[in-house]
Amino acid sequence: MKKIKVPIEKSVGLALAHDITYINKDEGFKGARFKKGHIVEKNDIEILKSIGKNYIYQLIPEKDDIHEDDFALEIAPYIAGENVFYDKAPSEGKISFYSSINGLLKIDRNKLFKINALSDLSLPCIHNNFACTPNKTIAAFRIIPLYAKKNLLDKAKKILSNPLFNVIPYTVKKINVIITGNEIYYGLRKDKFKSHIESKLKKFNYSICDYQIVPDDINSIIKATQELSYADLLFVCGGSSVDPDDVTKIALGKANVKFVFKSNPIQPANNLSVGYLNDTTVCVVPAGSLYYKASALDIFLPRLLAKDKIDKKELKFYSEGGLCNFCDYCTYPICSFGK
């Protein structure tokens, strides 16, 4: 690519080869002050000087050079998958990607790493399994230089034989809850679990269809499980610790729940367990979840609502970032917990 350097005073009438970025922290602004193709006018000279532009460049690309805007526009359809849309036009060479629905973000992480391992490509994104809302920004793509070679675009396309980002919808229809505990069943303590689960579900526009409170009795828990397992998702709350009186998981096993895992490496709520009873997902929620604003329940809940199968082999990866920072002011999910 050939570059012709033109003093700013002699640039009137020339077209800008790229967006000119303007940053002013006091004004709270960062963006394109002048867009690519803008014809420089006399009144622009002082403005350009004020943002450090004493020269502009006339760029003459070679045959296999691709401008940053064209590169982003051409690669974008290869990046965006199901329920993902992107900017119609780049800004400062960048195209952002967004969720079009309420759903769970799924990332092909191997392809993501391969793309970012290519020199001069930048594709940062939010975390895999993030709970998305409509118009949530999930990623942004750009090339670092103003121009890149066509063979780089070809390499990127080859990696992206399938889309990189998909947002899968929440498909659960009915949610039921079983609350265990002698102290609650016999009225010695007020139940807190129902409102706790309701508050978590409300964020996803869900509510509880039906629930039962039962004592710490194996037969009672089996019966309640059989009666409420018509739901897509069944929460069983309480009685999941190492206390010999806690028979919840034993009862669920006798009710033919096939557990994928009976514990996890996340704290708090590392006794949270997940299994399946035919087509019903069963999630055992320990009492520790009541005390903290964010726990293993919050990390797994979006996946449960999307009926995203959780493989036991995945659990080890949750250990990094699986310890809550127990901040004075909780900002979950915009934090490192569970990431």
Protein backbone atom coordinates (compact mmCIF):
# COMPACT_ATOMS: atom_id res chain seq x y z
CA MET A 1 0.00 0.00 0.00
CA LYS A 2 1.38 3.37 -1.02
CA LYS A 3 1.01 6.32 1.35
CA ILE A 4 1.06 9.96 0.31
CA LYS A 5 1.58 12.35 3.24
CA VAL A 6 -0.29 15.64 2.88
CA PRO A 7 0.15 18.62 5.29
CA ILE A 8 -3.15 19.41 6.93
CA GLU A 9 -3.15 22.97 5.50
CA LYS A 10 -3.12 21.51 1.98
CA SER A 11 -5.75 18.86 2.59
CA VAL A 12 -8.87 20.91 1.75
CA GLY A 13 -10.88 19.07 -0.88
CA LEU A 14 -9.28 15.68 -0.19
CA ALA A 15 -11.20 12.65 1.08
CA LEU A 16 -10.27 11.01 4.37
CA ALA A 17 -9.05 7.43 3.95
CA HIS A 18 -10.39 6.31 7.34
CA ASP A 19 -12.45 7.45 10.32
CA ILE A 20 -10.73 10.08 12.47
CA THR A 21 -11.22 9.18 16.14
CA TYR A 22 -11.89 11.88 18.72
CA ILE A 23 -11.57 11.21 22.45
CA ASN A 24 -12.55 13.68 25.16
CA LYS A 25 -12.82 12.23 28.65
CA ASP A 26 -14.30 15.45 30.07
CA GLU A 27 -17.09 15.38 27.51
CA GLY A 28 -17.49 11.62 27.91
CA PHE A 29 -17.04 11.08 24.18
CA LYS A 30 -15.11 8.59 22.09
CA GLY A 31 -15.98 8.06 18.48
CA ALA A 32 -15.48 9.11 14.89
CA ARG A 33 -15.18 12.90 14.62
CA PHE A 34 -14.89 12.57 10.85
CA LYS A 35 -15.97 9.51 8.88
CA LYS A 36 -14.09 7.77 6.11
CA GLY A 37 -14.70 9.56 2.81
CA HIS A 38 -15.35 12.95 4.44
CA ILE A 39 -14.13 15.76 2.19
CA VAL A 40 -11.92 18.07 4.23
CA GLU A 41 -13.20 21.65 4.42
CA LYS A 42 -11.38 24.79 5.51
CA ASN A 43 -13.29 24.87 8.82
CA ASP A 44 -12.08 21.34 9.58
CA ILE A 45 -8.40 22.28 9.70
CA GLU A 46 -8.31 23.66 13.26
CA ILE A 47 -10.47 20.81 14.54
CA LEU A 48 -8.12 18.23 13.01
CA LYS A 49 -5.11 20.02 14.48
CA SER A 50 -6.76 20.05 17.92
CA ILE A 51 -6.91 16.28 17.89
CA GLY A 52 -3.31 15.90 16.79
CA LYS A 53 -3.70 15.61 13.03
CA ASN A 54 -1.07 17.71 11.28
CA TYR A 55 -1.16 15.48 8.21
CA ILE A 56 -3.63 13.31 6.37
CA TYR A 57 -2.69 10.43 4.15
CA GLN A 58 -3.82 9.53 0.70
CA LEU A 59 -3.66 5.74 0.55
CA ILE A 60 -3.26 3.77 -2.63
CA PRO A 61 -3.96 0.10 -1.86
CA GLU A 62 -2.39 -2.80 -3.69
CA LYS A 63 -4.52 -5.34 -5.49
CA ASP A 64 -4.79 -7.74 -2.53
CA ASP A 65 -5.26 -5.08 0.18
CA ILE A 66 -8.60 -4.98 1.99
CA HIS A 67 -9.71 -1.91 3.94
CA GLU A 68 -10.68 -2.40 7.60
CA ASP A 69 -14.33 -1.57 6.90
CA ASP A 70 -14.59 -4.01 4.00
CA PHE A 71 -12.81 -6.72 5.97
CA ALA A 72 -15.23 -6.36 8.90
CA LEU A 73 -18.29 -6.36 6.65
CA GLU A 74 -17.17 -9.47 4.80
CA ILE A 75 -16.26 -11.52 7.87
CA ALA A 76 -19.28 -10.54 9.99
CA PRO A 77 -21.74 -13.10 8.48
CA TYR A 78 -19.23 -15.85 9.23
CA ILE A 79 -19.07 -14.84 12.89
CA ALA A 80 -22.78 -14.33 13.63
CA GLY A 81 -24.92 -17.41 14.14
CA GLU A 82 -28.38 -18.14 15.48
CA ASN A 83 -30.13 -15.15 17.10
CA VAL A 84 -27.11 -12.89 16.62
CA PHE A 85 -27.11 -9.68 14.56
CA TYR A 86 -24.46 -7.06 13.87
CA ASP A 87 -23.94 -3.45 12.83
CA LYS A 88 -24.95 -2.64 9.28
CA ALA A 89 -21.87 -0.44 8.89
CA PRO A 90 -18.52 -0.34 10.70
CA SER A 91 -17.50 2.51 12.97
CA GLU A 92 -13.78 3.19 13.22
CA GLY A 93 -13.28 -0.12 11.45
CA LYS A 94 -15.23 -2.05 14.08
CA ILE A 95 -18.42 -4.09 13.84
CA SER A 96 -20.23 -5.13 17.02
CA PHE A 97 -22.44 -8.19 17.49
CA TYR A 98 -25.62 -8.39 19.56
CA SER A 99 -28.11 -10.90 20.88
CA SER A 100 -31.56 -10.65 19.32
CA ILE A 101 -33.36 -12.59 22.07
CA ASN A 102 -33.42 -13.53 25.73
CA GLY A 103 -31.19 -16.58 25.75
CA LEU A 104 -27.89 -18.27 26.49
CA LEU A 105 -24.72 -17.32 24.65
CA LYS A 106 -22.80 -20.28 23.24
CA ILE A 107 -19.30 -19.70 21.89
CA ASP A 108 -17.13 -22.03 19.85
CA ARG A 109 -14.12 -21.25 22.03
CA ASN A 110 -11.61 -23.19 19.93
CA LYS A 111 -12.48 -21.15 16.86
CA LEU A 112 -12.48 -17.94 18.90
CA PHE A 113 -8.92 -18.62 20.03
CA LYS A 114 -7.80 -19.55 16.52
CA ILE A 115 -9.19 -16.30 15.09
CA ASN A 116 -7.48 -14.19 17.72
CA ALA A 117 -4.22 -16.10 17.19
CA LEU A 118 -4.07 -14.72 13.64
CA SER A 119 -1.94 -11.58 13.52
CA ASP A 120 -3.83 -8.28 13.16
CA LEU A 121 -7.29 -9.68 14.02
CA SER A 122 -9.17 -8.63 17.15
CA LEU A 123 -12.36 -10.38 18.24
CA PRO A 124 -13.03 -9.93 21.98
CA CYS A 125 -16.33 -11.11 23.45
CA ILE A 126 -18.18 -11.65 26.70
CA HIS A 127 -18.08 -15.01 28.46
CA ASN A 128 -19.51 -18.27 27.21
CA ASN A 129 -22.86 -19.25 28.80
CA PHE A 130 -23.68 -15.61 29.57
CA ALA A 131 -27.38 -14.86 29.99
CA CYS A 132 -28.24 -12.42 27.20
CA THR A 133 -31.08 -9.97 26.73
CA PRO A 134 -32.18 -8.45 23.40
CA ASN A 135 -29.57 -5.99 22.03
CA LYS A 136 -26.92 -7.17 24.51
CA THR A 137 -23.46 -6.59 23.00
CA ILE A 138 -21.66 -9.91 22.87
CA ALA A 139 -18.59 -9.26 20.71
CA ALA A 140 -16.73 -6.76 18.52
CA PHE A 141 -14.51 -7.38 15.51
CA ARG A 142 -11.89 -5.29 13.77
CA ILE A 143 -8.52 -5.63 12.13
CA ILE A 144 -5.70 -3.72 13.79
CA PRO A 145 -4.11 -2.06 10.73
CA LEU A 146 -6.03 0.06 8.28
CA TYR A 147 -5.55 -2.53 5.55
CA ALA A 148 -4.96 -6.28 5.62
CA LYS A 149 -4.10 -8.78 2.94
CA LYS A 150 -6.77 -10.92 1.28
CA ASN A 151 -5.08 -14.15 2.37
CA LEU A 152 -5.72 -13.17 5.99
CA LEU A 153 -9.44 -12.87 5.25
CA ASP A 154 -9.34 -16.25 3.52
CA LYS A 155 -7.69 -17.85 6.58
CA ALA A 156 -10.33 -16.36 8.89
CA LYS A 157 -13.18 -17.61 6.69
CA LYS A 158 -11.70 -21.10 6.65
CA ILE A 159 -11.66 -21.18 10.46
CA LEU A 160 -15.24 -19.90 10.58
CA SER A 161 -16.77 -22.74 8.58
CA ASN A 162 -19.57 -22.60 11.17
CA PRO A 163 -20.67 -19.44 13.03
CA LEU A 164 -18.73 -18.53 16.14
CA PHE A 165 -21.55 -17.12 18.29
CA ASN A 166 -25.06 -18.47 18.82
CA VAL A 167 -27.71 -17.45 21.35
CA ILE A 168 -30.01 -20.32 22.21
CA PRO A 169 -33.46 -19.50 23.59
CA TYR A 170 -34.78 -20.54 26.97
CA THR A 171 -37.02 -23.49 26.24
CA VAL A 172 -38.25 -24.49 29.70
CA LYS A 173 -42.05 -24.11 29.96
CA LYS A 174 -43.01 -25.19 33.47
CA ILE A 175 -41.01 -24.94 36.69
CA ASN A 176 -41.96 -26.63 39.97
CA VAL A 177 -40.34 -26.51 43.41
CA ILE A 178 -40.08 -28.94 46.33
CA ILE A 179 -38.97 -27.51 49.67
CA THR A 180 -37.68 -30.00 52.23
CA GLY A 181 -37.12 -29.62 55.94
CA ASN A 182 -38.87 -30.70 59.15
CA GLU A 183 -38.48 -27.24 60.64
CA ILE A 184 -40.38 -25.68 57.72
CA TYR A 185 -42.94 -28.46 57.27
CA TYR A 186 -43.93 -28.33 60.97
CA GLY A 187 -44.00 -24.53 61.06
CA LEU A 188 -40.97 -23.99 63.30
CA ARG A 189 -39.35 -21.74 60.72
CA LYS A 190 -40.74 -19.68 57.86
CA ASP A 191 -39.87 -20.87 54.38
CA LYS A 192 -37.48 -18.57 52.51
CA PHE A 193 -36.77 -20.79 49.54
CA LYS A 194 -39.91 -20.16 47.50
CA SER A 195 -39.39 -16.39 47.38
CA HIS A 196 -35.67 -16.96 46.77
CA ILE A 197 -36.30 -19.12 43.70
CA GLU A 198 -39.04 -16.76 42.52
CA SER A 199 -36.64 -13.80 42.65
CA LYS A 200 -34.09 -15.69 40.54
CA LEU A 201 -36.69 -16.76 37.96
CA LYS A 202 -38.24 -13.31 37.69
CA LYS A 203 -35.05 -12.00 36.05
CA PHE A 204 -35.74 -14.40 33.20
CA ASN A 205 -39.49 -13.74 33.05
CA TYR A 206 -40.33 -17.09 34.65
CA SER A 207 -42.49 -18.02 37.63
CA ILE A 208 -43.18 -21.12 39.70
CA CYS A 209 -46.09 -23.27 38.51
CA ASP A 210 -46.49 -25.45 41.60
CA TYR A 211 -44.66 -26.29 44.81
CA GLN A 212 -44.80 -28.50 47.87
CA ILE A 213 -43.24 -28.36 51.33
CA VAL A 214 -42.33 -31.81 52.65
CA PRO A 215 -40.53 -33.15 55.75
CA ASP A 216 -37.08 -34.75 55.74
CA ASP A 217 -38.61 -38.09 54.94
CA ILE A 218 -37.55 -40.27 52.01
CA ASN A 219 -41.04 -41.45 51.07
CA SER A 220 -42.48 -37.92 51.25
CA ILE A 221 -39.76 -36.56 48.96
CA ILE A 222 -40.24 -39.46 46.50
CA LYS A 223 -43.99 -38.82 46.40
CA ALA A 224 -43.57 -35.08 45.84
CA THR A 225 -41.00 -35.74 43.11
CA GLN A 226 -43.39 -38.05 41.30
CA GLU A 227 -46.24 -35.54 41.57
CA LEU A 228 -44.26 -32.50 40.41
CA SER A 229 -41.97 -34.03 37.81
CA TYR A 230 -44.37 -33.12 35.01
CA ALA A 231 -42.47 -29.81 34.88
CA ASP A 232 -39.51 -29.22 32.56
CA LEU A 233 -37.44 -28.07 35.52
CA LEU A 234 -37.84 -29.17 39.13
CA PHE A 235 -35.98 -27.44 41.96
CA VAL A 236 -35.56 -29.38 45.19
CA CYS A 237 -34.47 -27.00 47.93
CA GLY A 238 -32.77 -27.73 51.25
CA GLY A 239 -31.44 -30.87 52.90
CA SER A 240 -28.42 -31.42 50.66
CA SER A 241 -25.52 -31.11 53.11
CA VAL A 242 -23.39 -33.81 54.78
CA ASP A 243 -25.73 -33.97 57.79
CA PRO A 244 -27.03 -37.58 58.17
CA ASP A 245 -30.55 -36.15 58.54
CA ASP A 246 -30.36 -34.67 55.04
CA VAL A 247 -31.92 -37.40 52.92
CA THR A 248 -32.91 -35.32 49.88
CA LYS A 249 -30.41 -36.78 47.42
CA ILE A 250 -30.98 -40.31 48.70
CA ALA A 251 -34.72 -39.90 48.13
CA LEU A 252 -34.22 -38.45 44.65
CA GLY A 253 -32.00 -41.40 43.75
CA LYS A 254 -34.74 -43.77 44.87
CA ALA A 255 -37.16 -41.76 42.72
CA ASN A 256 -34.96 -42.66 39.72
CA VAL A 257 -33.30 -39.27 39.29
CA LYS A 258 -30.04 -39.87 37.39
CA PHE A 259 -27.54 -37.37 38.73
CA VAL A 260 -24.97 -35.83 36.40
CA PHE A 261 -23.20 -34.42 39.43
CA LYS A 262 -23.96 -34.31 43.17
CA SER A 263 -21.51 -31.50 43.94
CA ASN A 264 -19.53 -28.87 42.08
CA PRO A 265 -16.32 -26.85 42.59
CA ILE A 266 -18.13 -23.52 42.95
CA GLN A 267 -18.44 -21.70 46.27
CA PRO A 268 -20.92 -20.77 47.58
CA ALA A 269 -23.40 -23.62 46.99
CA ASN A 270 -20.97 -26.38 46.08
CA ASN A 271 -23.63 -28.90 47.13
CA LEU A 272 -25.82 -27.80 44.23
CA SER A 273 -26.58 -30.91 42.16
CA VAL A 274 -28.13 -31.59 38.77
CA GLY A 275 -29.77 -34.71 37.41
CA TYR A 276 -32.54 -35.91 35.12
CA LEU A 277 -35.78 -37.78 35.66
CA ASN A 278 -36.81 -38.77 32.15
CA ASP A 279 -37.21 -35.39 30.40
CA THR A 280 -37.32 -33.36 33.61
CA THR A 281 -34.21 -31.55 34.81
CA VAL A 282 -33.84 -31.80 38.58
CA CYS A 283 -31.72 -29.24 40.41
CA VAL A 284 -31.00 -29.63 44.12
CA VAL A 285 -30.40 -26.20 45.69
CA PRO A 286 -28.57 -26.13 49.04
CA ALA A 287 -29.45 -23.75 51.85
CA GLY A 288 -26.20 -21.84 51.32
CA SER A 289 -27.74 -20.30 48.22
CA LEU A 290 -30.17 -18.37 50.45
CA TYR A 291 -27.46 -16.41 52.17
CA TYR A 292 -25.51 -15.06 49.21
CA LYS A 293 -26.67 -12.85 46.38
CA ALA A 294 -24.74 -14.96 43.85
CA SER A 295 -24.00 -18.67 44.08
CA ALA A 296 -23.67 -21.78 41.93
CA LEU A 297 -27.43 -21.51 41.33
CA ASP A 298 -26.98 -18.22 39.46
CA ILE A 299 -24.15 -19.64 37.37
CA PHE A 300 -26.08 -22.72 36.24
CA LEU A 301 -29.59 -21.26 36.05
CA PRO A 302 -29.39 -19.81 32.50
CA ARG A 303 -28.15 -23.16 31.23
CA LEU A 304 -30.95 -25.00 33.01
CA LEU A 305 -33.56 -22.69 31.49
CA ALA A 306 -32.12 -23.27 28.01
CA LYS A 307 -32.06 -27.05 28.62
CA ASP A 308 -28.36 -26.92 27.89
CA LYS A 309 -26.91 -30.27 28.97
CA ILE A 310 -24.20 -29.86 31.58
CA ASP A 311 -21.50 -32.50 31.24
CA LYS A 312 -19.74 -33.60 34.42
CA LYS A 313 -16.44 -33.20 32.57
CA GLU A 314 -17.10 -29.45 32.35
CA LEU A 315 -17.20 -28.95 36.09
CA LYS A 316 -13.43 -28.78 36.56
CA PHE A 317 -13.30 -25.67 34.38
CA TYR A 318 -15.64 -23.86 36.79
CA SER A 319 -13.01 -24.10 39.53
CA GLU A 320 -11.11 -21.15 37.99
CA GLY A 321 -13.30 -18.19 38.88
CA GLY A 322 -15.56 -20.46 40.90
CA LEU A 323 -14.77 -18.77 44.20
CA CYS A 324 -16.94 -15.72 44.84
CA ASN A 325 -15.03 -12.57 45.79
CA PHE A 326 -17.72 -11.76 48.38
CA CYS A 327 -17.61 -8.07 47.47
CA ASP A 328 -19.24 -5.50 49.73
CA TYR A 329 -21.34 -4.47 46.72
CA CYS A 330 -22.31 -7.36 44.45
CA THR A 331 -22.28 -6.66 40.69
CA TYR A 332 -22.90 -10.24 39.52
CA PRO A 333 -23.05 -11.24 36.66
CA ILE A 334 -20.70 -8.42 35.61
CA CYS A 335 -17.79 -9.89 37.55
CA SER A 336 -15.33 -12.77 37.47
CA PHE A 337 -17.47 -15.21 39.48
CA GLY A 338 -18.22 -18.34 37.51
CA LYS A 339 -16.23 -17.15 34.51
